[in-house]
N, C-alpha and C. Protein backbone atom coordinates (compact mmCIF):
# COMPACT_ATOMS: atom_id res chain seq x y z
N MET A 1 0.84 -1.19 0.00
CA MET A 1 0.00 0.00 0.00
C MET A 1 0.88 1.25 0.00
N PHE A 2 0.42 2.26 -0.69
CA PHE A 2 1.06 3.57 -0.68
C PHE A 2 -0.03 4.62 -0.49
N ALA A 3 0.22 5.61 0.33
CA ALA A 3 -0.76 6.68 0.54
C ALA A 3 -0.03 8.02 0.61
N ALA A 4 -0.68 9.06 0.09
CA ALA A 4 -0.18 10.42 0.18
C ALA A 4 -1.35 11.32 0.55
N TYR A 5 -1.11 12.32 1.38
CA TYR A 5 -2.23 13.10 1.91
C TYR A 5 -1.80 14.51 2.26
N GLY A 6 -2.80 15.38 2.36
CA GLY A 6 -2.65 16.71 2.94
C GLY A 6 -3.63 16.84 4.09
N GLY A 7 -3.77 18.05 4.62
CA GLY A 7 -4.72 18.20 5.71
C GLY A 7 -4.39 19.36 6.62
N ASN A 8 -4.78 19.20 7.88
CA ASN A 8 -4.63 20.27 8.86
C ASN A 8 -4.16 19.68 10.18
N ALA A 9 -3.25 20.37 10.84
CA ALA A 9 -2.73 19.92 12.13
C ALA A 9 -2.79 21.07 13.13
N THR A 10 -3.23 20.75 14.34
CA THR A 10 -3.34 21.74 15.41
C THR A 10 -2.56 21.25 16.62
N THR A 11 -1.55 22.02 17.01
CA THR A 11 -0.71 21.67 18.16
C THR A 11 -1.21 22.39 19.41
N ARG A 12 -1.41 21.64 20.46
CA ARG A 12 -1.90 22.20 21.72
C ARG A 12 -0.78 23.00 22.41
N PRO A 13 -1.15 23.92 23.31
CA PRO A 13 -0.13 24.65 24.07
C PRO A 13 0.82 23.68 24.78
N ALA A 14 2.08 24.05 24.85
CA ALA A 14 3.10 23.19 25.44
C ALA A 14 4.00 23.99 26.38
N ASP A 15 4.50 23.33 27.39
CA ASP A 15 5.48 23.96 28.29
C ASP A 15 6.85 23.92 27.62
N ILE A 16 7.56 25.03 27.69
CA ILE A 16 8.92 25.11 27.13
C ILE A 16 9.90 25.37 28.28
N ARG A 17 10.92 24.53 28.33
CA ARG A 17 12.00 24.71 29.31
C ARG A 17 13.27 25.08 28.56
N ILE A 18 13.94 26.13 29.00
CA ILE A 18 15.20 26.54 28.40
C ILE A 18 16.32 26.28 29.40
N ASP A 19 17.26 25.42 28.99
CA ASP A 19 18.36 25.02 29.86
C ASP A 19 19.69 25.43 29.24
N ASP A 20 20.51 26.10 30.03
CA ASP A 20 21.86 26.47 29.62
C ASP A 20 22.73 26.48 30.88
N GLU A 21 23.29 25.32 31.21
CA GLU A 21 24.06 25.21 32.46
C GLU A 21 25.27 26.14 32.46
N GLN A 22 25.98 26.18 31.36
CA GLN A 22 27.18 27.03 31.33
C GLN A 22 26.83 28.50 31.42
N GLY A 23 25.69 28.88 30.86
CA GLY A 23 25.28 30.28 30.92
C GLY A 23 24.46 30.63 32.14
N GLY A 24 24.24 29.66 33.04
CA GLY A 24 23.49 29.93 34.26
C GLY A 24 22.03 30.24 34.02
N THR A 25 21.41 29.54 33.04
CA THR A 25 20.01 29.79 32.71
C THR A 25 19.19 28.50 32.84
N ALA A 26 18.08 28.60 33.54
CA ALA A 26 17.12 27.49 33.66
C ALA A 26 15.74 28.12 33.81
N LEU A 27 15.02 28.22 32.71
CA LEU A 27 13.73 28.90 32.68
C LEU A 27 12.63 27.93 32.27
N ARG A 28 11.42 28.21 32.74
CA ARG A 28 10.25 27.42 32.36
C ARG A 28 9.10 28.35 32.00
N PHE A 29 8.51 28.09 30.83
CA PHE A 29 7.38 28.86 30.34
C PHE A 29 6.23 27.90 30.11
N ASP A 30 5.13 28.09 30.85
CA ASP A 30 4.02 27.14 30.82
C ASP A 30 3.01 27.50 29.73
N ARG A 31 2.52 26.44 29.08
CA ARG A 31 1.40 26.51 28.13
C ARG A 31 1.59 27.61 27.07
N VAL A 32 2.70 27.51 26.36
CA VAL A 32 2.96 28.42 25.25
C VAL A 32 2.09 28.00 24.06
N PRO A 33 1.28 28.89 23.49
CA PRO A 33 0.41 28.51 22.36
C PRO A 33 1.23 28.29 21.09
N PHE A 34 0.68 27.44 20.21
CA PHE A 34 1.29 27.19 18.91
C PHE A 34 0.23 27.31 17.82
N LYS A 35 0.68 27.76 16.64
CA LYS A 35 -0.16 27.81 15.46
C LYS A 35 0.38 26.84 14.42
N GLY A 36 -0.54 26.20 13.66
CA GLY A 36 -0.12 25.20 12.69
C GLY A 36 0.11 25.74 11.29
N ARG A 37 -0.71 26.69 10.83
CA ARG A 37 -0.60 27.29 9.50
C ARG A 37 -0.43 26.21 8.41
N SER A 38 -1.30 25.21 8.46
CA SER A 38 -1.14 24.04 7.60
C SER A 38 -1.30 24.34 6.12
N PHE A 39 -2.04 25.39 5.79
CA PHE A 39 -2.33 25.69 4.39
C PHE A 39 -1.42 26.78 3.82
N GLU A 40 -0.47 27.24 4.63
CA GLU A 40 0.52 28.19 4.15
C GLU A 40 1.78 27.44 3.73
N SER A 41 2.47 27.96 2.71
CA SER A 41 3.69 27.31 2.23
C SER A 41 4.79 27.37 3.29
N PRO A 42 5.48 26.24 3.53
CA PRO A 42 5.27 24.91 2.96
C PRO A 42 4.08 24.21 3.62
N ILE A 43 3.17 23.68 2.83
CA ILE A 43 1.92 23.14 3.35
C ILE A 43 2.14 21.84 4.13
N TYR A 44 1.13 21.50 4.91
CA TYR A 44 1.10 20.22 5.62
C TYR A 44 0.94 19.08 4.61
N TYR A 45 1.72 18.00 4.79
CA TYR A 45 1.55 16.82 3.94
C TYR A 45 2.16 15.60 4.63
N GLY A 46 1.91 14.43 4.05
CA GLY A 46 2.51 13.21 4.54
C GLY A 46 2.37 12.10 3.52
N TYR A 47 3.15 11.06 3.69
CA TYR A 47 3.00 9.88 2.84
C TYR A 47 3.51 8.66 3.60
N ARG A 48 3.05 7.50 3.19
CA ARG A 48 3.50 6.27 3.83
C ARG A 48 3.45 5.11 2.86
N VAL A 49 4.26 4.10 3.14
CA VAL A 49 4.25 2.84 2.42
C VAL A 49 4.10 1.73 3.44
N ALA A 50 3.47 0.65 3.04
CA ALA A 50 3.25 -0.47 3.96
C ALA A 50 3.12 -1.76 3.16
N HIS A 51 3.44 -2.86 3.81
CA HIS A 51 3.38 -4.17 3.16
C HIS A 51 2.69 -5.14 4.12
N ALA A 52 1.81 -5.99 3.57
CA ALA A 52 1.07 -6.95 4.40
C ALA A 52 1.99 -8.05 4.90
N LEU A 53 1.83 -8.41 6.16
CA LEU A 53 2.59 -9.53 6.71
C LEU A 53 2.05 -10.84 6.17
N PRO A 54 2.93 -11.78 5.91
CA PRO A 54 2.45 -13.10 5.48
C PRO A 54 1.49 -13.70 6.50
N ARG A 55 0.52 -14.42 5.99
CA ARG A 55 -0.48 -15.13 6.82
C ARG A 55 -1.41 -14.19 7.57
N SER A 56 -1.38 -12.88 7.28
CA SER A 56 -2.30 -11.96 7.96
C SER A 56 -3.58 -11.76 7.17
N ARG A 57 -3.67 -12.40 5.99
CA ARG A 57 -4.85 -12.28 5.12
C ARG A 57 -5.11 -10.82 4.73
N GLY A 58 -4.03 -10.08 4.57
CA GLY A 58 -4.17 -8.69 4.18
C GLY A 58 -4.71 -7.78 5.26
N ARG A 59 -4.64 -8.21 6.49
CA ARG A 59 -5.19 -7.42 7.60
C ARG A 59 -4.13 -6.61 8.35
N LEU A 60 -2.92 -7.15 8.48
CA LEU A 60 -1.88 -6.49 9.27
C LEU A 60 -0.73 -6.08 8.36
N PHE A 61 -0.43 -4.77 8.37
CA PHE A 61 0.62 -4.20 7.53
C PHE A 61 1.69 -3.56 8.40
N ILE A 62 2.93 -3.60 7.93
CA ILE A 62 4.01 -2.85 8.56
C ILE A 62 4.64 -1.96 7.49
N GLY A 63 5.19 -0.82 7.92
CA GLY A 63 5.77 0.09 6.94
C GLY A 63 6.33 1.33 7.59
N GLY A 64 6.49 2.37 6.79
CA GLY A 64 7.06 3.62 7.26
C GLY A 64 6.21 4.80 6.84
N GLU A 65 6.35 5.92 7.56
CA GLU A 65 5.56 7.11 7.27
C GLU A 65 6.37 8.36 7.56
N PHE A 66 6.17 9.37 6.73
CA PHE A 66 6.75 10.70 6.94
C PHE A 66 5.61 11.70 7.07
N ILE A 67 5.62 12.49 8.13
CA ILE A 67 4.61 13.52 8.36
C ILE A 67 5.30 14.87 8.46
N HIS A 68 4.86 15.80 7.62
CA HIS A 68 5.40 17.16 7.63
C HIS A 68 4.33 18.09 8.21
N ALA A 69 4.36 18.23 9.53
CA ALA A 69 3.49 19.19 10.22
C ALA A 69 4.33 20.44 10.51
N LYS A 70 3.70 21.45 11.10
CA LYS A 70 4.41 22.68 11.44
C LYS A 70 3.91 23.19 12.79
N ALA A 71 4.76 23.96 13.47
CA ALA A 71 4.37 24.55 14.74
C ALA A 71 5.09 25.89 14.92
N TYR A 72 4.30 26.95 15.05
CA TYR A 72 4.83 28.29 15.25
C TYR A 72 4.50 28.73 16.67
N GLY A 73 5.51 28.97 17.49
CA GLY A 73 5.26 29.39 18.86
C GLY A 73 4.77 30.83 18.93
N ASP A 74 3.70 31.05 19.70
CA ASP A 74 3.18 32.40 19.94
C ASP A 74 3.84 32.92 21.21
N VAL A 75 5.03 33.50 21.06
CA VAL A 75 5.85 33.85 22.22
C VAL A 75 5.43 35.17 22.85
N ALA A 76 4.60 35.95 22.17
CA ALA A 76 4.33 37.32 22.63
C ALA A 76 3.68 37.38 24.01
N GLY A 77 2.74 36.47 24.30
CA GLY A 77 2.02 36.56 25.56
C GLY A 77 2.51 35.64 26.65
N ALA A 78 3.58 34.88 26.40
CA ALA A 78 4.04 33.89 27.37
C ALA A 78 5.04 34.51 28.34
N ALA A 79 4.96 34.08 29.59
CA ALA A 79 5.89 34.53 30.62
C ALA A 79 6.26 33.34 31.50
N GLY A 80 7.47 33.37 32.05
CA GLY A 80 7.92 32.26 32.87
C GLY A 80 8.81 32.72 33.99
N ALA A 81 9.40 31.74 34.66
CA ALA A 81 10.23 32.04 35.83
C ALA A 81 11.39 31.06 35.88
N GLY A 82 12.37 31.40 36.72
CA GLY A 82 13.53 30.54 36.90
C GLY A 82 14.77 31.36 37.13
N VAL A 83 15.85 30.93 36.51
CA VAL A 83 17.14 31.61 36.64
C VAL A 83 17.62 32.00 35.26
N TYR A 84 17.99 33.26 35.09
CA TYR A 84 18.47 33.75 33.80
C TYR A 84 19.84 34.39 34.00
N HIS A 85 20.87 33.77 33.44
CA HIS A 85 22.25 34.21 33.60
C HIS A 85 22.60 34.41 35.07
N GLY A 86 22.18 33.43 35.88
CA GLY A 86 22.51 33.44 37.30
C GLY A 86 21.62 34.30 38.16
N ARG A 87 20.63 34.95 37.58
CA ARG A 87 19.74 35.84 38.33
C ARG A 87 18.34 35.26 38.37
N THR A 88 17.75 35.19 39.56
CA THR A 88 16.40 34.68 39.71
C THR A 88 15.39 35.67 39.15
N VAL A 89 14.47 35.16 38.32
CA VAL A 89 13.48 36.04 37.68
C VAL A 89 12.10 35.43 37.83
N GLU A 90 11.09 36.29 37.82
CA GLU A 90 9.69 35.87 37.84
C GLU A 90 8.93 36.67 36.77
N ALA A 91 7.93 36.04 36.19
CA ALA A 91 7.09 36.68 35.16
C ALA A 91 7.94 37.30 34.05
N MET A 92 8.94 36.57 33.62
CA MET A 92 9.82 37.06 32.57
C MET A 92 9.19 36.77 31.21
N PRO A 93 9.02 37.76 30.33
CA PRO A 93 8.42 37.51 29.02
C PRO A 93 9.31 36.60 28.17
N LEU A 94 8.71 35.58 27.59
CA LEU A 94 9.45 34.68 26.72
C LEU A 94 10.06 35.44 25.55
N ALA A 95 9.33 36.42 25.02
CA ALA A 95 9.81 37.17 23.86
C ALA A 95 11.09 37.94 24.16
N SER A 96 11.36 38.25 25.43
CA SER A 96 12.58 38.99 25.76
C SER A 96 13.80 38.09 25.71
N VAL A 97 13.58 36.78 25.84
CA VAL A 97 14.68 35.81 25.80
C VAL A 97 14.76 35.13 24.43
N MET A 98 13.60 34.76 23.92
CA MET A 98 13.52 34.03 22.66
C MET A 98 12.39 34.65 21.84
N PRO A 99 12.68 35.71 21.09
CA PRO A 99 11.62 36.42 20.36
C PRO A 99 11.03 35.62 19.20
N ARG A 100 11.65 34.51 18.84
CA ARG A 100 11.10 33.66 17.78
C ARG A 100 11.41 32.21 18.11
N PHE A 101 10.38 31.35 17.98
CA PHE A 101 10.60 29.91 18.09
C PHE A 101 9.56 29.23 17.21
N ALA A 102 10.03 28.58 16.14
CA ALA A 102 9.12 27.92 15.20
C ALA A 102 9.79 26.68 14.63
N MET A 103 8.94 25.75 14.23
CA MET A 103 9.38 24.58 13.46
C MET A 103 8.58 24.64 12.16
N SER A 104 8.96 25.62 11.31
CA SER A 104 8.10 26.03 10.22
C SER A 104 8.34 25.29 8.91
N HIS A 105 9.52 24.73 8.74
CA HIS A 105 9.74 23.85 7.58
C HIS A 105 9.64 22.40 8.03
N GLY A 106 8.87 22.22 9.05
CA GLY A 106 8.52 20.89 9.47
C GLY A 106 8.78 20.58 10.92
N LEU A 107 7.71 20.24 11.63
CA LEU A 107 7.82 19.40 12.81
C LEU A 107 7.69 18.00 12.22
N ASN A 108 8.80 17.50 11.69
CA ASN A 108 8.79 16.32 10.83
C ASN A 108 8.91 15.03 11.63
N PHE A 109 8.04 14.08 11.32
CA PHE A 109 8.07 12.76 11.94
C PHE A 109 8.52 11.73 10.92
N VAL A 110 9.45 10.86 11.32
CA VAL A 110 9.84 9.70 10.51
C VAL A 110 9.53 8.47 11.37
N LEU A 111 8.52 7.71 10.95
CA LEU A 111 7.93 6.69 11.83
C LEU A 111 7.92 5.31 11.20
N ALA A 112 8.05 4.30 12.04
CA ALA A 112 7.76 2.93 11.67
C ALA A 112 6.36 2.60 12.19
N ASN A 113 5.52 2.02 11.32
CA ASN A 113 4.10 1.83 11.63
C ASN A 113 3.70 0.36 11.61
N ALA A 114 2.63 0.09 12.34
CA ALA A 114 1.84 -1.14 12.19
C ALA A 114 0.40 -0.71 11.96
N THR A 115 -0.24 -1.27 10.92
CA THR A 115 -1.60 -0.87 10.55
C THR A 115 -2.49 -2.09 10.44
N LEU A 116 -3.65 -2.01 11.09
CA LEU A 116 -4.69 -3.02 10.93
C LEU A 116 -5.71 -2.51 9.92
N ARG A 117 -6.08 -3.36 8.96
CA ARG A 117 -7.06 -3.00 7.94
C ARG A 117 -8.20 -4.02 7.99
N ARG A 118 -9.43 -3.51 7.95
CA ARG A 118 -10.58 -4.41 8.01
C ARG A 118 -11.69 -3.90 7.09
N PRO A 119 -12.07 -4.67 6.06
CA PRO A 119 -13.23 -4.29 5.23
C PRO A 119 -14.49 -4.25 6.08
N ILE A 120 -15.30 -3.21 5.88
CA ILE A 120 -16.53 -3.08 6.67
C ILE A 120 -17.76 -3.02 5.77
N GLY A 121 -17.59 -3.51 4.55
CA GLY A 121 -18.75 -3.59 3.66
C GLY A 121 -18.55 -2.81 2.40
N GLY A 122 -18.92 -3.42 1.27
CA GLY A 122 -18.81 -2.71 0.00
C GLY A 122 -17.38 -2.35 -0.32
N ARG A 123 -17.16 -1.09 -0.61
CA ARG A 123 -15.84 -0.62 -1.00
C ARG A 123 -15.08 0.07 0.13
N ILE A 124 -15.57 -0.02 1.35
CA ILE A 124 -14.99 0.73 2.47
C ILE A 124 -14.12 -0.19 3.33
N THR A 125 -12.94 0.31 3.69
CA THR A 125 -12.04 -0.40 4.58
C THR A 125 -11.67 0.53 5.74
N ALA A 126 -11.81 0.03 6.96
CA ALA A 126 -11.41 0.79 8.15
C ALA A 126 -9.95 0.49 8.47
N THR A 127 -9.25 1.49 8.98
CA THR A 127 -7.84 1.33 9.31
C THR A 127 -7.54 1.88 10.71
N ALA A 128 -6.55 1.27 11.35
CA ALA A 128 -6.04 1.76 12.64
C ALA A 128 -4.53 1.60 12.62
N THR A 129 -3.82 2.67 12.96
CA THR A 129 -2.37 2.70 12.84
C THR A 129 -1.72 3.17 14.13
N ALA A 130 -0.60 2.54 14.48
CA ALA A 130 0.25 3.01 15.57
C ALA A 130 1.67 3.08 15.04
N GLY A 131 2.40 4.11 15.46
CA GLY A 131 3.76 4.27 14.96
C GLY A 131 4.68 4.92 15.97
N ALA A 132 5.97 4.70 15.79
CA ALA A 132 6.98 5.33 16.65
C ALA A 132 8.23 5.58 15.81
N GLY A 133 8.97 6.62 16.18
CA GLY A 133 10.18 6.93 15.44
C GLY A 133 10.88 8.16 15.97
N VAL A 134 11.41 8.97 15.04
CA VAL A 134 12.20 10.13 15.43
C VAL A 134 11.53 11.41 14.90
N VAL A 135 11.92 12.53 15.50
CA VAL A 135 11.44 13.84 15.10
C VAL A 135 12.62 14.64 14.55
N VAL A 136 12.43 15.21 13.35
CA VAL A 136 13.48 16.00 12.70
C VAL A 136 12.90 17.38 12.37
N PRO A 137 12.80 18.27 13.34
CA PRO A 137 12.23 19.59 13.06
C PRO A 137 13.24 20.51 12.39
N HIS A 138 12.70 21.46 11.63
CA HIS A 138 13.52 22.56 11.15
C HIS A 138 13.33 23.70 12.14
N VAL A 139 14.32 23.91 12.98
CA VAL A 139 14.21 24.87 14.08
C VAL A 139 14.59 26.25 13.58
N GLU A 140 13.67 27.20 13.75
CA GLU A 140 13.92 28.61 13.46
C GLU A 140 13.70 29.38 14.75
N ALA A 141 14.78 29.89 15.32
CA ALA A 141 14.67 30.53 16.63
C ALA A 141 15.71 31.64 16.77
N GLN A 142 15.44 32.53 17.71
CA GLN A 142 16.40 33.52 18.16
C GLN A 142 16.51 33.38 19.66
N PHE A 143 17.74 33.29 20.14
CA PHE A 143 17.95 33.13 21.58
C PHE A 143 19.20 33.90 21.98
N ASP A 144 19.05 34.85 22.88
CA ASP A 144 20.18 35.65 23.37
C ASP A 144 21.00 36.23 22.22
N GLY A 145 20.31 36.65 21.17
CA GLY A 145 20.99 37.28 20.04
C GLY A 145 21.46 36.33 18.97
N ALA A 146 21.49 35.03 19.26
CA ALA A 146 21.90 34.03 18.27
C ALA A 146 20.70 33.63 17.41
N VAL A 147 20.95 33.36 16.13
CA VAL A 147 19.90 32.95 15.20
C VAL A 147 20.12 31.49 14.83
N ILE A 148 19.07 30.69 14.95
CA ILE A 148 19.12 29.26 14.62
C ILE A 148 18.16 29.03 13.47
N ASP A 149 18.64 28.37 12.41
CA ASP A 149 17.83 28.11 11.22
C ASP A 149 18.37 26.83 10.58
N GLU A 150 17.93 25.67 11.10
CA GLU A 150 18.53 24.41 10.65
C GLU A 150 17.65 23.23 11.03
N TYR A 151 17.85 22.12 10.28
CA TYR A 151 17.23 20.85 10.65
C TYR A 151 18.02 20.22 11.78
N GLN A 152 17.31 19.59 12.71
CA GLN A 152 17.95 18.93 13.84
C GLN A 152 17.28 17.59 14.11
N LEU A 153 18.09 16.60 14.45
CA LEU A 153 17.55 15.35 14.97
C LEU A 153 17.30 15.58 16.45
N ALA A 154 16.02 15.83 16.80
CA ALA A 154 15.74 16.50 18.08
C ALA A 154 14.94 15.68 19.07
N GLY A 155 14.62 14.41 18.78
CA GLY A 155 13.87 13.66 19.78
C GLY A 155 13.09 12.51 19.18
N SER A 156 12.10 12.06 19.94
CA SER A 156 11.30 10.89 19.55
C SER A 156 9.86 11.30 19.28
N GLY A 157 9.18 10.48 18.47
CA GLY A 157 7.80 10.78 18.12
C GLY A 157 6.93 9.54 18.14
N LEU A 158 5.64 9.74 18.40
CA LEU A 158 4.65 8.67 18.40
C LEU A 158 3.43 9.12 17.61
N GLN A 159 2.69 8.16 17.06
CA GLN A 159 1.41 8.50 16.47
C GLN A 159 0.40 7.39 16.71
N ALA A 160 -0.87 7.77 16.75
CA ALA A 160 -1.99 6.83 16.73
C ALA A 160 -3.01 7.42 15.76
N ALA A 161 -3.62 6.57 14.93
CA ALA A 161 -4.51 7.08 13.89
C ALA A 161 -5.62 6.08 13.61
N ILE A 162 -6.79 6.60 13.26
CA ILE A 162 -7.90 5.79 12.77
C ILE A 162 -8.42 6.45 11.51
N GLY A 163 -8.89 5.63 10.57
CA GLY A 163 -9.36 6.20 9.32
C GLY A 163 -10.17 5.23 8.51
N ALA A 164 -10.45 5.64 7.28
CA ALA A 164 -11.23 4.81 6.36
C ALA A 164 -10.78 5.09 4.94
N GLU A 165 -10.90 4.07 4.10
CA GLU A 165 -10.59 4.19 2.68
C GLU A 165 -11.81 3.77 1.87
N LEU A 166 -12.07 4.52 0.82
CA LEU A 166 -13.17 4.21 -0.10
C LEU A 166 -12.56 3.92 -1.47
N ARG A 167 -12.69 2.67 -1.92
CA ARG A 167 -12.15 2.29 -3.22
C ARG A 167 -12.99 2.92 -4.32
N VAL A 168 -12.33 3.66 -5.22
CA VAL A 168 -13.04 4.38 -6.27
C VAL A 168 -12.78 3.81 -7.66
N TRP A 169 -11.63 3.14 -7.83
CA TRP A 169 -11.32 2.59 -9.16
C TRP A 169 -10.20 1.58 -9.03
N ARG A 170 -10.51 0.33 -9.37
CA ARG A 170 -9.54 -0.76 -9.29
C ARG A 170 -8.84 -0.75 -7.93
N ARG A 171 -7.53 -0.44 -7.92
CA ARG A 171 -6.78 -0.46 -6.66
C ARG A 171 -6.55 0.93 -6.09
N LEU A 172 -7.28 1.89 -6.57
CA LEU A 172 -7.13 3.28 -6.12
C LEU A 172 -8.27 3.65 -5.17
N SER A 173 -7.92 4.27 -4.04
CA SER A 173 -8.91 4.66 -3.03
C SER A 173 -8.67 6.11 -2.61
N VAL A 174 -9.72 6.73 -2.09
CA VAL A 174 -9.55 7.97 -1.36
C VAL A 174 -9.57 7.63 0.13
N MET A 175 -8.81 8.37 0.91
CA MET A 175 -8.70 8.04 2.32
C MET A 175 -8.86 9.29 3.17
N THR A 176 -9.34 9.08 4.39
CA THR A 176 -9.38 10.14 5.38
C THR A 176 -8.95 9.55 6.71
N GLU A 177 -8.34 10.37 7.55
CA GLU A 177 -7.76 9.82 8.78
C GLU A 177 -7.66 10.91 9.84
N TYR A 178 -7.93 10.51 11.08
CA TYR A 178 -7.62 11.35 12.23
C TYR A 178 -6.34 10.81 12.86
N LYS A 179 -5.39 11.69 13.15
CA LYS A 179 -4.14 11.30 13.77
C LYS A 179 -3.92 12.09 15.06
N TRP A 180 -3.26 11.46 15.99
CA TRP A 180 -2.72 12.16 17.14
C TRP A 180 -1.23 11.85 17.19
N THR A 181 -0.41 12.89 17.32
CA THR A 181 1.03 12.69 17.43
C THR A 181 1.56 13.34 18.70
N ARG A 182 2.65 12.77 19.18
CA ARG A 182 3.36 13.30 20.35
C ARG A 182 4.83 13.38 19.99
N ALA A 183 5.45 14.51 20.25
CA ALA A 183 6.87 14.69 19.95
C ALA A 183 7.59 15.20 21.19
N ALA A 184 8.63 14.50 21.61
CA ALA A 184 9.50 14.95 22.69
C ALA A 184 10.70 15.61 22.04
N VAL A 185 10.75 16.95 22.10
CA VAL A 185 11.72 17.73 21.32
C VAL A 185 12.75 18.35 22.26
N ARG A 186 14.02 18.23 21.87
CA ARG A 186 15.11 18.98 22.52
C ARG A 186 15.83 19.74 21.41
N ALA A 187 15.44 21.00 21.23
CA ALA A 187 16.00 21.83 20.17
C ALA A 187 17.26 22.54 20.67
N GLN A 188 18.30 22.52 19.86
CA GLN A 188 19.56 23.15 20.23
C GLN A 188 19.55 24.62 19.83
N LEU A 189 19.94 25.46 20.80
CA LEU A 189 19.91 26.92 20.59
C LEU A 189 21.29 27.52 20.76
N HIS A 190 22.30 26.93 20.14
CA HIS A 190 23.67 27.45 20.21
C HIS A 190 24.13 27.56 21.67
N GLY A 191 24.22 26.45 22.35
CA GLY A 191 24.68 26.42 23.73
C GLY A 191 23.59 26.13 24.73
N ALA A 192 22.37 26.50 24.41
CA ALA A 192 21.22 26.20 25.27
C ALA A 192 20.33 25.19 24.57
N ASP A 193 19.39 24.64 25.32
CA ASP A 193 18.40 23.71 24.78
C ASP A 193 17.00 24.21 25.09
N ALA A 194 16.10 24.12 24.11
CA ALA A 194 14.67 24.35 24.35
C ALA A 194 14.00 22.98 24.36
N VAL A 195 13.44 22.61 25.51
CA VAL A 195 12.88 21.28 25.71
C VAL A 195 11.37 21.40 25.83
N LEU A 196 10.64 20.63 25.04
CA LEU A 196 9.19 20.67 25.08
C LEU A 196 8.63 19.36 24.55
N THR A 197 7.37 19.09 24.91
CA THR A 197 6.64 17.94 24.39
C THR A 197 5.37 18.44 23.74
N THR A 198 5.24 18.18 22.44
CA THR A 198 4.07 18.65 21.70
C THR A 198 3.03 17.54 21.57
N SER A 199 1.78 17.94 21.58
CA SER A 199 0.65 17.05 21.33
C SER A 199 -0.17 17.68 20.21
N THR A 200 -0.34 16.95 19.10
CA THR A 200 -0.92 17.52 17.89
C THR A 200 -2.05 16.65 17.37
N HIS A 201 -3.15 17.31 16.98
CA HIS A 201 -4.28 16.63 16.34
C HIS A 201 -4.23 16.93 14.85
N HIS A 202 -4.40 15.88 14.02
CA HIS A 202 -4.33 16.00 12.58
C HIS A 202 -5.62 15.47 11.95
N VAL A 203 -6.05 16.11 10.88
CA VAL A 203 -7.08 15.57 10.00
C VAL A 203 -6.47 15.50 8.61
N ALA A 204 -6.38 14.29 8.05
CA ALA A 204 -5.71 14.08 6.77
C ALA A 204 -6.69 13.54 5.74
N VAL A 205 -6.52 13.99 4.49
CA VAL A 205 -7.32 13.51 3.36
C VAL A 205 -6.37 13.28 2.19
N GLY A 206 -6.52 12.14 1.51
CA GLY A 206 -5.60 11.88 0.41
C GLY A 206 -6.02 10.70 -0.43
N VAL A 207 -5.04 10.10 -1.07
CA VAL A 207 -5.28 8.95 -1.94
C VAL A 207 -4.42 7.79 -1.49
N ALA A 208 -4.89 6.58 -1.73
CA ALA A 208 -4.14 5.37 -1.39
C ALA A 208 -4.22 4.39 -2.55
N ALA A 209 -3.17 3.64 -2.74
CA ALA A 209 -3.13 2.67 -3.83
C ALA A 209 -2.49 1.39 -3.33
N SER A 210 -2.99 0.28 -3.81
CA SER A 210 -2.39 -1.02 -3.50
C SER A 210 -1.60 -1.49 -4.71
N TYR A 211 -0.63 -2.36 -4.49
CA TYR A 211 0.19 -2.83 -5.59
C TYR A 211 0.54 -4.30 -5.38
């Protein structure tokens, strides 16, 4: 099976911790909002390949998936507390320390999947997928005057998804799917680390083909 899709992803607010032991900084900012901007370039997309396990009667598939989501931190209204360059601070605006934090060319997931497929009548097949792998975000940030603009191997990712496929012609189907992903991210900020765990809801629509 091969599938390609677009859609929309919404990332829930996440706590961001900034750690810099050498610089004497340990800050925490709670519930920083994120925007997905799924329909702005580069748009949200994903694709996956999978192969049926022998003796599964076409029910159990294993394969790989790439998900290109995005997350833009809304740093303007966030404030936190902790230690900044050795000085204790409270209600410190995140924008004063990190005026930009985004994963705009991808909060990218590279996952290994297991998928259960079950025909539910006529041309419709129900699917359920679980996956785990790595997160490769494109980190765009400013921190203490330094500018970061690069891809990083930044942590681990998980997904769970349910969906359905409608066969429209021979081995070609249209598909829709709800996904939930979790990413444990440690982004490097030129000496410091921004540590956060994202939880994202996805709605995907695309095409699938068997071969």
